[in-house]
Amino acid sequence: EQLELQRKPITQDTQSGSYKASWQVELIFAVGGWTLNDHISGVECYNPLDHEWKVLGPISRHRCGVGVAPLHDFIYAVGGYDGTTCLSSVERYDPTTQEWSRDVVPLSEGKRDMGLAELGGYLYCVGGRDGMVCLSTLERYDPRGNRWCRMAPMTCHRTGLGVAVLDSYLYAIGGSDGRSPLYSVERYSPEEDAWSPCPPLGTRRENFGCATLQGKIYALGGRDDLTELCSAERFDPVANEWSPMMPMKSKRNKVKAAAANGYLLAIGGFDGVTHVTTVEAFDLDANKWR
């Protein structure tokens, strides 16, 4: 399944009773995915204030390897795989009406296991695979014109990659070129419509969790050439380097990462034997996983 965050205004009574305060809470959306027997269309939302998952209306198509990202108060579910075909269709969730719509134009081609992120009011769909080969393509969605357009491709084919936005750049991290997991990292400048190389990961990773928190990019788990990983590392743009951090308690391939309310979350995954249903939270101040 894919996870995404959305900041939502919440009004909560304080202990004084009558006074109300409003703040932003980060909600986590889990969209689609797969079980041992099937690809699914289920959608859930996690609210960290009450520590509960809420089941939302399902997407219209079963989708695993789907790209999910927020844009202008909507949640977009892009592409994926329905068990037979790589999809080009796109669905959009409106939290106000709590409904999914399919009025978004499709991608130029069906793809799965891509990266999806919002930057500068656009959605960027990065890499993935079309069922036959790994892709280096970059597509940008403009919600004002409801259209996708091709931008400069990456220098490397990548599927199962991590994507992150930091300092107005779009980072494409690791993944696989169809032969083996990758160390390499590159970043995209929307102003120049060009990619440039960045310092490589310390460990080859594909299908790992990726998130930004407090000005750094985090890469969690995934898989290297041989096995599932519990290791983690982070990129500091000031030092311009990746450095190892405390490993997670469990190995997690296909883990999803999210930064919510000051914590870095590692959600689900596969440890090589069974599907992991637990969530680990990394406390930056204590430098440990809970």
C-alpha atoms as a PDB file:
ATOM      1  CA  GLU A   1       0.000   0.000   0.000  1.00  0.00           C
ATOM      2  CA  GLN A   2       1.012   3.626  -0.367  1.00  0.00           C
ATOM      3  CA  LEU A   3       0.966   6.220   2.383  1.00  0.00           C
ATOM      4  CA  GLU A   4       0.646   9.952   2.217  1.00  0.00           C
ATOM      5  CA  LEU A   5       0.279  12.827   4.638  1.00  0.00           C
ATOM      6  CA  GLN A   6      -2.212  15.635   4.616  1.00  0.00           C
ATOM      7  CA  ARG A   7      -2.303  18.546   7.029  1.00  0.00           C
ATOM      8  CA  LYS A   8      -5.825  19.256   8.216  1.00  0.00           C
ATOM      9  CA  PRO A   9      -7.129  22.025  10.516  1.00  0.00           C
ATOM     10  CA  ILE A  10      -8.495  20.518  13.718  1.00  0.00           C
ATOM     11  CA  THR A  11     -10.581  22.340  16.330  1.00  0.00           C
ATOM     12  CA  GLN A  12     -10.254  20.758  19.750  1.00  0.00           C
ATOM     13  CA  ASP A  13     -11.756  21.713  23.123  1.00  0.00           C
ATOM     14  CA  THR A  14      -9.170  22.551  25.743  1.00  0.00           C
ATOM     15  CA  GLN A  15      -9.546  21.464  29.365  1.00  0.00           C
ATOM     16  CA  SER A  16     -11.135  24.805  30.227  1.00  0.00           C
ATOM     17  CA  GLY A  17     -14.232  23.706  28.342  1.00  0.00           C
ATOM     18  CA  SER A  18     -15.428  26.761  26.430  1.00  0.00           C
ATOM     19  CA  TYR A  19     -12.240  27.972  24.759  1.00  0.00           C
ATOM     20  CA  LYS A  20     -11.329  26.332  21.472  1.00  0.00           C
ATOM     21  CA  ALA A  21      -7.923  26.266  19.819  1.00  0.00           C
ATOM     22  CA  SER A  22      -7.127  25.313  16.233  1.00  0.00           C
ATOM     23  CA  TRP A  23      -3.946  23.749  14.898  1.00  0.00           C
ATOM     24  CA  GLN A  24      -2.713  21.604  12.049  1.00  0.00           C
ATOM     25  CA  VAL A  25      -2.631  17.843  12.507  1.00  0.00           C
ATOM     26  CA  GLU A  26      -0.960  15.533  10.001  1.00  0.00           C
ATOM     27  CA  LEU A  27      -3.159  12.691   8.788  1.00  0.00           C
ATOM     28  CA  ILE A  28      -1.741   9.556   7.177  1.00  0.00           C
ATOM     29  CA  PHE A  29      -3.587   7.974   4.247  1.00  0.00           C
ATOM     30  CA  ALA A  30      -3.022   4.340   3.235  1.00  0.00           C
ATOM     31  CA  VAL A  31      -4.267   3.647  -0.297  1.00  0.00           C
ATOM     32  CA  GLY A  32      -4.540   0.299  -2.085  1.00  0.00           C
ATOM     33  CA  GLY A  33      -1.860  -2.356  -1.754  1.00  0.00           C
ATOM     34  CA  TRP A  34      -1.925  -6.132  -1.758  1.00  0.00           C
ATOM     35  CA  THR A  35      -2.382  -9.135   0.491  1.00  0.00           C
ATOM     36  CA  LEU A  36      -1.108 -12.669   0.025  1.00  0.00           C
ATOM     37  CA  ASN A  37      -4.109 -13.453  -2.152  1.00  0.00           C
ATOM     38  CA  ASP A  38      -5.217 -10.276  -3.878  1.00  0.00           C
ATOM     39  CA  HIS A  39      -4.644  -6.662  -4.847  1.00  0.00           C
ATOM     40  CA  ILE A  40      -6.910  -4.349  -2.889  1.00  0.00           C
ATOM     41  CA  SER A  41      -8.797  -1.086  -3.283  1.00  0.00           C
ATOM     42  CA  GLY A  42      -9.175  -0.235   0.402  1.00  0.00           C
ATOM     43  CA  VAL A  43      -8.314   3.180   1.840  1.00  0.00           C
ATOM     44  CA  GLU A  44      -7.632   4.031   5.484  1.00  0.00           C
ATOM     45  CA  CYS A  45      -6.771   7.245   7.314  1.00  0.00           C
ATOM     46  CA  TYR A  46      -4.787   7.493  10.549  1.00  0.00           C
ATOM     47  CA  ASN A  47      -5.303  10.399  12.942  1.00  0.00           C
ATOM     48  CA  PRO A  48      -2.456  10.616  15.472  1.00  0.00           C
ATOM     49  CA  LEU A  49      -4.633  12.582  17.907  1.00  0.00           C
ATOM     50  CA  ASP A  50      -6.799   9.558  18.658  1.00  0.00           C
ATOM     51  CA  HIS A  51      -4.355   6.844  17.475  1.00  0.00           C
ATOM     52  CA  GLU A  52      -7.012   5.210  15.314  1.00  0.00           C
ATOM     53  CA  TRP A  53      -7.291   4.095  11.696  1.00  0.00           C
ATOM     54  CA  LYS A  54     -10.525   5.020   9.938  1.00  0.00           C
ATOM     55  CA  VAL A  55     -11.772   3.170   6.863  1.00  0.00           C
ATOM     56  CA  LEU A  56     -12.644   5.514   3.991  1.00  0.00           C
ATOM     57  CA  GLY A  57     -14.442   4.911   0.722  1.00  0.00           C
ATOM     58  CA  PRO A  58     -12.453   2.591  -1.577  1.00  0.00           C
ATOM     59  CA  ILE A  59     -10.832   3.634  -4.831  1.00  0.00           C
ATOM     60  CA  SER A  60     -12.620   2.341  -7.935  1.00  0.00           C
ATOM     61  CA  ARG A  61      -9.743   0.109  -9.095  1.00  0.00           C
ATOM     62  CA  HIS A  62      -7.613  -2.395  -7.233  1.00  0.00           C
ATOM     63  CA  ARG A  63      -4.141  -0.832  -7.132  1.00  0.00           C
ATOM     64  CA  CYS A  64      -0.829  -2.016  -5.760  1.00  0.00           C
ATOM     65  CA  GLY A  65       2.372  -0.110  -6.476  1.00  0.00           C
ATOM     66  CA  VAL A  66       0.221   3.023  -6.693  1.00  0.00           C
ATOM     67  CA  GLY A  67       1.653   6.526  -6.316  1.00  0.00           C
ATOM     68  CA  VAL A  68      -0.063   8.673  -3.687  1.00  0.00           C
ATOM     69  CA  ALA A  69       0.459  12.358  -2.881  1.00  0.00           C
ATOM     70  CA  PRO A  70      -1.512  15.413  -1.696  1.00  0.00           C
ATOM     71  CA  LEU A  71      -2.101  18.478  -3.850  1.00  0.00           C
ATOM     72  CA  HIS A  72      -4.311  21.468  -3.014  1.00  0.00           C
ATOM     73  CA  ASP A  73      -6.290  19.670  -0.258  1.00  0.00           C
ATOM     74  CA  PHE A  74      -6.904  16.578  -2.407  1.00  0.00           C
ATOM     75  CA  ILE A  75      -5.273  13.138  -2.247  1.00  0.00           C
ATOM     76  CA  TYR A  76      -4.242  11.712  -5.629  1.00  0.00           C
ATOM     77  CA  ALA A  77      -3.852   7.995  -6.400  1.00  0.00           C
ATOM     78  CA  VAL A  78      -1.857   7.588  -9.611  1.00  0.00           C
ATOM     79  CA  GLY A  79      -1.228   4.484 -11.711  1.00  0.00           C
ATOM     80  CA  GLY A  80      -0.475   1.146 -10.059  1.00  0.00           C
ATOM     81  CA  TYR A  81      -1.153  -2.477 -10.934  1.00  0.00           C
ATOM     82  CA  ASP A  82      -4.516  -4.244 -10.716  1.00  0.00           C
ATOM     83  CA  GLY A  83      -3.211  -7.809 -10.976  1.00  0.00           C
ATOM     84  CA  THR A  84      -3.353  -7.852 -14.763  1.00  0.00           C
ATOM     85  CA  THR A  85      -2.363  -4.466 -16.138  1.00  0.00           C
ATOM     86  CA  CYS A  86      -0.211  -1.487 -15.222  1.00  0.00           C
ATOM     87  CA  LEU A  87      -2.637   1.413 -14.923  1.00  0.00           C
ATOM     88  CA  SER A  88      -2.477   4.942 -16.302  1.00  0.00           C
ATOM     89  CA  SER A  89      -5.689   6.111 -14.628  1.00  0.00           C
ATOM     90  CA  VAL A  90      -5.778   8.614 -11.770  1.00  0.00           C
ATOM     91  CA  GLU A  91      -8.255   9.066  -8.919  1.00  0.00           C
ATOM     92  CA  ARG A  92      -8.655  12.016  -6.571  1.00  0.00           C
ATOM     93  CA  TYR A  93     -10.042  12.035  -3.022  1.00  0.00           C
ATOM     94  CA  ASP A  94     -11.854  15.050  -1.602  1.00  0.00           C
ATOM     95  CA  PRO A  95     -11.772  14.970   2.237  1.00  0.00           C
ATOM     96  CA  THR A  96     -14.663  17.447   2.342  1.00  0.00           C
ATOM     97  CA  THR A  97     -17.103  15.187   0.491  1.00  0.00           C
ATOM     98  CA  GLN A  98     -15.221  11.985   1.453  1.00  0.00           C
ATOM     99  CA  GLU A  99     -15.543  10.768  -2.131  1.00  0.00           C
ATOM    100  CA  TRP A 100     -13.186   9.643  -4.899  1.00  0.00           C
ATOM    101  CA  SER A 101     -13.540  11.029  -8.413  1.00  0.00           C
ATOM    102  CA  ARG A 102     -11.991  10.024 -11.743  1.00  0.00           C
ATOM    103  CA  ASP A 103     -12.068  13.403 -13.477  1.00  0.00           C
ATOM    104  CA  VAL A 104      -8.269  13.631 -13.671  1.00  0.00           C
ATOM    105  CA  VAL A 105      -6.644  12.908 -17.028  1.00  0.00           C
ATOM    106  CA  PRO A 106      -4.542   9.713 -17.128  1.00  0.00           C
ATOM    107  CA  LEU A 107      -0.782   9.393 -17.338  1.00  0.00           C
ATOM    108  CA  SER A 108       0.804   9.059 -20.765  1.00  0.00           C
ATOM    109  CA  GLU A 109       1.429   5.360 -20.029  1.00  0.00           C
ATOM    110  CA  GLY A 110       0.523   2.724 -17.462  1.00  0.00           C
ATOM    111  CA  LYS A 111       3.094   2.309 -14.702  1.00  0.00           C
ATOM    112  CA  ARG A 112       3.617   1.032 -11.179  1.00  0.00           C
ATOM    113  CA  ASP A 113       6.191   1.330  -8.369  1.00  0.00           C
ATOM    114  CA  MET A 114       6.934   4.936  -9.288  1.00  0.00           C
ATOM    115  CA  GLY A 115       7.604   7.891  -7.024  1.00  0.00           C
ATOM    116  CA  LEU A 116       5.014  10.651  -6.656  1.00  0.00           C
ATOM    117  CA  ALA A 117       5.474  14.005  -4.949  1.00  0.00           C
ATOM    118  CA  GLU A 118       4.122  17.552  -4.891  1.00  0.00           C
ATOM    119  CA  LEU A 119       6.439  20.445  -5.643  1.00  0.00           C
ATOM    120  CA  GLY A 120       5.524  24.032  -6.460  1.00  0.00           C
ATOM    121  CA  GLY A 121       1.831  23.315  -6.997  1.00  0.00           C
ATOM    122  CA  TYR A 122       2.450  20.418  -9.398  1.00  0.00           C
ATOM    123  CA  LEU A 123       2.517  16.635  -9.033  1.00  0.00           C
ATOM    124  CA  TYR A 124       5.630  14.866 -10.297  1.00  0.00           C
ATOM    125  CA  CYS A 125       5.495  11.178 -11.266  1.00  0.00           C
ATOM    126  CA  VAL A 126       9.002   9.706 -11.338  1.00  0.00           C
ATOM    127  CA  GLY A 127      10.230   6.440 -12.872  1.00  0.00           C
ATOM    128  CA  GLY A 128       8.505   3.130 -12.110  1.00  0.00           C
ATOM    129  CA  ARG A 129       7.956   0.254 -14.506  1.00  0.00           C
ATOM    130  CA  ASP A 130       5.447  -0.392 -17.254  1.00  0.00           C
ATOM    131  CA  GLY A 131       5.230  -4.171 -16.883  1.00  0.00           C
ATOM    132  CA  MET A 132       8.140  -4.785 -19.235  1.00  0.00           C
ATOM    133  CA  VAL A 133      10.963  -2.379 -18.411  1.00  0.00           C
ATOM    134  CA  CYS A 134      12.055   0.104 -15.753  1.00  0.00           C
ATOM    135  CA  LEU A 135      11.452   3.739 -16.630  1.00  0.00           C
ATOM    136  CA  SER A 136      13.454   6.948 -16.424  1.00  0.00           C
ATOM    137  CA  THR A 137      10.508   9.181 -17.308  1.00  0.00           C
ATOM    138  CA  LEU A 138       9.254  12.223 -15.429  1.00  0.00           C
ATOM    139  CA  GLU A 139       5.681  13.448 -15.852  1.00  0.00           C
ATOM    140  CA  ARG A 140       4.289  16.639 -14.334  1.00  0.00           C
ATOM    141  CA  TYR A 141       0.599  17.216 -13.582  1.00  0.00           C
ATOM    142  CA  ASP A 142      -0.827  20.728 -13.745  1.00  0.00           C
ATOM    143  CA  PRO A 143      -4.157  20.825 -11.851  1.00  0.00           C
ATOM    144  CA  ARG A 144      -5.130  24.149 -13.424  1.00  0.00           C
ATOM    145  CA  GLY A 145      -5.112  22.734 -16.936  1.00  0.00           C
ATOM    146  CA  ASN A 146      -5.810  19.133 -15.849  1.00  0.00           C
ATOM    147  CA  ARG A 147      -2.955  17.792 -17.952  1.00  0.00           C
ATOM    148  CA  TRP A 148       0.236  15.766 -17.676  1.00  0.00           C
ATOM    149  CA  CYS A 149       3.340  16.712 -19.621  1.00  0.00           C
ATOM    150  CA  ARG A 150       6.718  15.035 -20.065  1.00  0.00           C
ATOM    151  CA  MET A 151       9.690  16.720 -18.438  1.00  0.00           C
ATOM    152  CA  ALA A 152      13.409  15.916 -18.595  1.00  0.00           C
ATOM    153  CA  PRO A 153      13.984  12.195 -17.866  1.00  0.00           C
ATOM    154  CA  MET A 154      16.278  10.961 -15.117  1.00  0.00           C
ATOM    155  CA  THR A 155      19.804   9.886 -16.005  1.00  0.00           C
ATOM    156  CA  CYS A 156      19.019   6.398 -14.674  1.00  0.00           C
ATOM    157  CA  HIS A 157      16.091   3.988 -14.969  1.00  0.00           C
ATOM    158  CA  ARG A 158      14.520   3.515 -11.535  1.00  0.00           C
ATOM    159  CA  THR A 159      11.674   1.457 -10.110  1.00  0.00           C
ATOM    160  CA  GLY A 160      10.936   1.008  -6.412  1.00  0.00           C
ATOM    161  CA  LEU A 161      12.720   4.306  -5.802  1.00  0.00           C
ATOM    162  CA  GLY A 162      12.274   6.827  -3.029  1.00  0.00           C
ATOM    163  CA  VAL A 163      11.287  10.402  -3.804  1.00  0.00           C
ATOM    164  CA  ALA A 164      11.565  13.435  -1.557  1.00  0.00           C
ATOM    165  CA  VAL A 165      11.217  17.195  -1.845  1.00  0.00           C
ATOM    166  CA  LEU A 166      13.796  19.342  -0.079  1.00  0.00           C
ATOM    167  CA  ASP A 167      14.800  22.977  -0.666  1.00  0.00           C
ATOM    168  CA  SER A 168      12.726  23.197  -3.884  1.00  0.00           C
ATOM    169  CA  TYR A 169      14.431  20.162  -5.427  1.00  0.00           C
ATOM    170  CA  LEU A 170      12.898  16.780  -6.244  1.00  0.00           C
ATOM    171  CA  TYR A 171      15.161  13.908  -5.194  1.00  0.00           C
ATOM    172  CA  ALA A 172      15.094  10.460  -6.852  1.00  0.00           C
ATOM    173  CA  ILE A 173      16.815   8.013  -4.520  1.00  0.00           C
ATOM    174  CA  GLY A 174      18.004   4.445  -5.043  1.00  0.00           C
ATOM    175  CA  GLY A 175      15.524   1.933  -6.443  1.00  0.00           C
ATOM    176  CA  SER A 176      16.360  -0.699  -9.038  1.00  0.00           C
ATOM    177  CA  ASP A 177      17.344  -0.452 -12.694  1.00  0.00           C
ATOM    178  CA  GLY A 178      15.797  -3.865 -13.361  1.00  0.00           C
ATOM    179  CA  ARG A 179      19.027  -5.714 -12.666  1.00  0.00           C
ATOM    180  CA  SER A 180      20.056  -4.753  -9.138  1.00  0.00           C
ATOM    181  CA  PRO A 181      19.327  -2.247  -6.360  1.00  0.00           C
ATOM    182  CA  LEU A 182      20.993   1.156  -6.692  1.00  0.00           C
ATOM    183  CA  TYR A 183      23.175   3.435  -4.583  1.00  0.00           C
ATOM    184  CA  SER A 184      22.801   6.432  -6.850  1.00  0.00           C
ATOM    185  CA  VAL A 185      20.811   9.587  -6.136  1.00  0.00           C
ATOM    186  CA  GLU A 186      19.892  12.483  -8.416  1.00  0.00           C
ATOM    187  CA  ARG A 187      17.819  15.599  -7.999  1.00  0.00           C
ATOM    188  CA  TYR A 188      15.604  17.616 -10.325  1.00  0.00           C
ATOM    189  CA  SER A 189      15.454  21.392 -10.610  1.00  0.00           C
ATOM    190  CA  PRO A 190      12.057  22.591 -11.904  1.00  0.00           C
ATOM    191  CA  GLU A 191      13.577  25.949 -12.854  1.00  0.00           C
ATOM    192  CA  GLU A 192      16.175  24.330 -15.107  1.00  0.00           C
ATOM    193  CA  ASP A 193      14.164  21.228 -16.073  1.00  0.00           C
ATOM    194  CA  ALA A 194      17.340  19.232 -15.466  1.00  0.00           C
ATOM    195  CA  TRP A 195      18.719  16.483 -13.237  1.00  0.00           C
ATOM    196  CA  SER A 196      22.053  16.585 -11.416  1.00  0.00           C
ATOM    197  CA  PRO A 197      23.905  13.881  -9.430  1.00  0.00           C
ATOM    198  CA  CYS A 198      23.926  13.816  -5.624  1.00  0.00           C
ATOM    199  CA  PRO A 199      25.984  11.867  -3.054  1.00  0.00           C
ATOM    200  CA  PRO A 200      25.061   8.159  -3.163  1.00  0.00           C
ATOM    201  CA  LEU A 201      23.383   6.131  -0.454  1.00  0.00           C
ATOM    202  CA  GLY A 202      25.577   4.147   1.898  1.00  0.00           C
ATOM    203  CA  THR A 203      23.589   0.984   1.108  1.00  0.00           C
ATOM    204  CA  ARG A 204      21.911  -0.197  -2.080  1.00  0.00           C
ATOM    205  CA  ARG A 205      18.143   0.000  -1.557  1.00  0.00           C
ATOM    206  CA  GLU A 206      14.944  -0.672  -3.451  1.00  0.00           C
ATOM    207  CA  ASN A 207      11.356  -0.618  -2.165  1.00  0.00           C
ATOM    208  CA  PHE A 208      12.365   1.346   0.919  1.00  0.00           C
ATOM    209  CA  GLY A 209      10.593   4.011   2.932  1.00  0.00           C
ATOM    210  CA  CYS A 210      11.485   7.635   2.237  1.00  0.00           C
ATOM    211  CA  ALA A 211      10.459  10.808   4.077  1.00  0.00           C
ATOM    212  CA  THR A 212      11.711  14.273   4.989  1.00  0.00           C
ATOM    213  CA  LEU A 213      11.834  15.571   8.540  1.00  0.00           C
ATOM    214  CA  GLN A 214      13.439  18.720   9.955  1.00  0.00           C
ATOM    215  CA  GLY A 215      15.423  19.477   6.820  1.00  0.00           C
ATOM    216  CA  LYS A 216      16.814  15.983   6.230  1.00  0.00           C
ATOM    217  CA  ILE A 217      15.844  13.056   3.977  1.00  0.00           C
ATOM    218  CA  TYR A 218      15.450   9.608   5.540  1.00  0.00           C
ATOM    219  CA  ALA A 219      15.771   6.218   3.804  1.00  0.00           C
ATOM    220  CA  LEU A 220      14.434   3.261   5.799  1.00  0.00           C
ATOM    221  CA  GLY A 221      14.717  -0.472   5.196  1.00  0.00           C
ATOM    222  CA  GLY A 222      13.977  -1.893   1.762  1.00  0.00           C
ATOM    223  CA  ARG A 223      16.064  -4.598   0.144  1.00  0.00           C
ATOM    224  CA  ASP A 224      19.627  -4.855  -1.143  1.00  0.00           C
ATOM    225  CA  ASP A 225      21.101  -7.529  -3.433  1.00  0.00           C
ATOM    226  CA  LEU A 226      20.667 -10.275  -0.851  1.00  0.00           C
ATOM    227  CA  THR A 227      18.134  -9.619   1.875  1.00  0.00           C
ATOM    228  CA  GLU A 228      15.549  -7.411   3.526  1.00  0.00           C
ATOM    229  CA  LEU A 229      16.990  -4.506   5.522  1.00  0.00           C
ATOM    230  CA  CYS A 230      16.470  -2.977   8.950  1.00  0.00           C
ATOM    231  CA  SER A 231      19.170  -0.354   8.409  1.00  0.00           C
ATOM    232  CA  ALA A 232      18.405   3.330   7.929  1.00  0.00           C
ATOM    233  CA  GLU A 233      20.280   6.434   6.827  1.00  0.00           C
ATOM    234  CA  ARG A 234      19.684  10.147   6.393  1.00  0.00           C
ATOM    235  CA  PHE A 235      20.851  12.871   4.053  1.00  0.00           C
ATOM    236  CA  ASP A 236      22.000  16.220   5.395  1.00  0.00           C
ATOM    237  CA  PRO A 237      21.978  18.839   2.600  1.00  0.00           C
ATOM    238  CA  VAL A 238      24.329  21.127   4.556  1.00  0.00           C
ATOM    239  CA  ALA A 239      27.000  18.435   4.966  1.00  0.00           C
ATOM    240  CA  ASN A 240      25.970  17.052   1.548  1.00  0.00           C
ATOM    241  CA  GLU A 241      26.282  13.442   2.705  1.00  0.00           C
ATOM    242  CA  TRP A 242      24.356  10.384   3.827  1.00  0.00           C
ATOM    243  CA  SER A 243      25.072   9.017   7.293  1.00  0.00           C
ATOM    244  CA  PRO A 244      23.854   5.828   9.020  1.00  0.00           C
ATOM    245  CA  MET A 245      21.388   6.027  11.888  1.00  0.00           C
ATOM    246  CA  MET A 246      19.963   3.595  14.424  1.00  0.00           C
ATOM    247  CA  PRO A 247      18.525   0.547  12.645  1.00  0.00           C
ATOM    248  CA  MET A 248      14.872  -0.342  12.981  1.00  0.00           C
ATOM    249  CA  LYS A 249      13.874  -3.204  15.260  1.00  0.00           C
ATOM    250  CA  SER A 250      12.458  -5.225  12.341  1.00  0.00           C
ATOM    251  CA  LYS A 251      13.601  -5.854   8.790  1.00  0.00           C
ATOM    252  CA  ARG A 252      11.157  -4.102   6.465  1.00  0.00           C
ATOM    253  CA  ASN A 253      11.071  -4.449   2.692  1.00  0.00           C
ATOM    254  CA  LYS A 254       8.322  -2.431   0.981  1.00  0.00           C
ATOM    255  CA  VAL A 255       8.025  -0.373   4.169  1.00  0.00           C
ATOM    256  CA  LYS A 256       6.270   2.983   4.038  1.00  0.00           C
ATOM    257  CA  ALA A 257       7.727   5.991   5.816  1.00  0.00           C
ATOM    258  CA  ALA A 258       5.990   9.114   7.049  1.00  0.00           C
ATOM    259  CA  ALA A 259       7.029  12.114   9.113  1.00  0.00           C
ATOM    260  CA  ALA A 260       4.157  13.130  11.351  1.00  0.00           C
ATOM    261  CA  ASN A 261       4.047  15.471  14.332  1.00  0.00           C
ATOM    262  CA  GLY A 262       7.794  15.431  14.852  1.00  0.00           C
ATOM    263  CA  TYR A 263       8.278  11.672  14.570  1.00  0.00           C
ATOM    264  CA  LEU A 264       9.546   9.484  11.756  1.00  0.00           C
ATOM    265  CA  LEU A 265       7.255   6.482  11.252  1.00  0.00           C
ATOM    266  CA  ALA A 266       8.082   3.133   9.638  1.00  0.00           C
ATOM    267  CA  ILE A 267       4.825   1.399   8.771  1.00  0.00           C
ATOM    268  CA  GLY A 268       4.337  -2.221   7.724  1.00  0.00           C
ATOM    269  CA  GLY A 269       6.525  -4.053   5.235  1.00  0.00           C
ATOM    270  CA  PHE A 270       7.819  -7.589   4.703  1.00  0.00           C
ATOM    271  CA  ASP A 271      10.651  -9.131   6.737  1.00  0.00           C
ATOM    272  CA  GLY A 272      11.442 -11.970   4.333  1.00  0.00           C
ATOM    273  CA  VAL A 273       9.102 -14.435   6.018  1.00  0.00           C
ATOM    274  CA  THR A 274       5.903 -12.638   6.894  1.00  0.00           C
ATOM    275  CA  HIS A 275       4.115  -9.338   6.460  1.00  0.00           C
ATOM    276  CA  VAL A 276       4.926  -6.895   9.253  1.00  0.00           C
ATOM    277  CA  THR A 277       1.871  -5.144  10.698  1.00  0.00           C
ATOM    278  CA  THR A 278       3.659  -3.103  13.361  1.00  0.00           C
ATOM    279  CA  VAL A 279       4.637   0.564  13.292  1.00  0.00           C
ATOM    280  CA  GLU A 280       7.945   1.905  14.617  1.00  0.00           C
ATOM    281  CA  ALA A 281       8.450   5.560  15.543  1.00  0.00           C
ATOM    282  CA  PHE A 282      11.878   7.193  15.609  1.00  0.00           C
ATOM    283  CA  ASP A 283      12.426   9.828  18.277  1.00  0.00           C
ATOM    284  CA  LEU A 284      15.055  12.264  16.987  1.00  0.00           C
ATOM    285  CA  ASP A 285      15.805  13.688  20.435  1.00  0.00           C
ATOM    286  CA  ALA A 286      16.306  10.276  22.048  1.00  0.00           C
ATOM    287  CA  ASN A 287      17.900   8.818  18.893  1.00  0.00           C
ATOM    288  CA  LYS A 288      15.977   5.569  19.168  1.00  0.00           C
ATOM    289  CA  TRP A 289      13.083   3.614  17.675  1.00  0.00           C
ATOM    290  CA  ARG A 290       9.994   2.886  19.725  1.00  0.00           C
END
